[in-house]
Amino acid sequence: MGGRILEYETKTILRQGYNQGLSQGLSQGTGQTRVSDIDSLMKNLGLTLDEACRAIGITRDDYQSAKEMLQE
């Protein structure tokens, strides 16, 4: 009986870890895409940071947060 409880706890912990990793991966991927898109707009179209952010509908703070997250 104790084995089933431990097995259930192990599965629960693994599921929580998987979900946490998935969420973190999605956040990092979104941040990476934002930074890449903004950088490309500035480089290829000669836009300022504010213009590039406005073009894709994010704030300058969102861009800075994404950039900081990628540096961690």
Protein backbone atom coordinates (compact mmCIF):
# COMPACT_ATOMS: atom_id res chain seq x y z
CA MET A 1 0.00 0.00 0.00
CA GLY A 2 2.85 2.38 0.79
CA GLY A 3 4.26 1.78 -2.68
CA ARG A 4 1.13 3.09 -4.35
CA ILE A 5 1.22 6.27 -2.29
CA LEU A 6 4.86 6.86 -3.15
CA GLU A 7 4.17 6.12 -6.80
CA TYR A 8 1.28 8.62 -6.79
CA GLU A 9 3.48 11.28 -5.11
CA THR A 10 6.26 10.67 -7.62
CA LYS A 11 3.87 11.05 -10.55
CA THR A 12 2.44 14.23 -9.01
CA ILE A 13 5.90 15.74 -8.53
CA LEU A 14 6.94 14.80 -12.07
CA ARG A 15 3.75 16.30 -13.50
CA GLN A 16 4.30 19.54 -11.55
CA GLY A 17 7.91 19.71 -12.74
CA TYR A 18 6.85 19.10 -16.31
CA ASN A 19 4.19 21.83 -16.15
CA GLN A 20 6.60 24.27 -14.55
CA GLY A 21 9.25 23.55 -17.19
CA LEU A 22 6.73 23.91 -19.98
CA SER A 23 5.52 27.24 -18.64
CA GLN A 24 9.06 28.53 -18.24
CA GLY A 25 10.00 27.36 -21.72
CA LEU A 26 7.01 29.10 -23.27
CA SER A 27 7.85 32.33 -21.43
CA GLN A 28 11.44 32.20 -22.59
CA GLY A 29 10.42 31.42 -26.14
CA THR A 30 7.96 34.31 -26.21
CA GLY A 31 10.58 36.64 -24.76
CA GLN A 32 13.18 35.49 -27.25
CA THR A 33 10.77 36.06 -30.13
CA ARG A 34 9.92 39.56 -28.90
CA VAL A 35 13.54 40.56 -28.56
CA SER A 36 14.43 39.08 -31.94
CA ASP A 37 11.48 40.79 -33.67
CA ILE A 38 12.26 44.18 -32.15
CA ASP A 39 15.97 43.90 -32.94
CA SER A 40 15.17 42.93 -36.55
CA LEU A 41 12.78 45.86 -37.00
CA MET A 42 15.37 48.28 -35.66
CA LYS A 43 18.16 46.83 -37.80
CA ASN A 44 16.32 46.19 -41.06
CA LEU A 45 13.87 49.08 -41.11
CA GLY A 46 15.89 51.62 -39.16
CA LEU A 47 13.20 52.04 -36.50
CA THR A 48 13.86 53.34 -33.03
CA LEU A 49 13.15 51.08 -30.07
CA ASP A 50 9.89 52.90 -29.34
CA GLU A 51 8.77 52.67 -32.98
CA ALA A 52 9.60 48.97 -33.19
CA CYS A 53 7.77 48.23 -29.93
CA ARG A 54 4.73 50.14 -31.10
CA ALA A 55 4.79 48.28 -34.45
CA ILE A 56 4.38 44.88 -32.78
CA GLY A 57 2.17 46.11 -29.95
CA ILE A 58 4.34 45.79 -26.86
CA THR A 59 5.69 48.35 -24.44
CA ARG A 60 9.30 49.28 -24.03
CA ASP A 61 9.12 47.78 -20.53
CA ASP A 62 7.95 44.45 -21.99
CA TYR A 63 10.94 44.47 -24.32
CA GLN A 64 13.37 45.30 -21.50
CA SER A 65 11.88 42.58 -19.28
CA ALA A 66 12.19 40.01 -22.05
CA LYS A 67 15.78 41.02 -22.73
CA GLU A 68 16.68 40.76 -19.02
CA MET A 69 15.00 37.36 -18.74
CA LEU A 70 17.12 36.05 -21.62
CA GLN A 71 20.34 37.25 -19.97
CA GLU A 72 19.67 35.22 -16.80
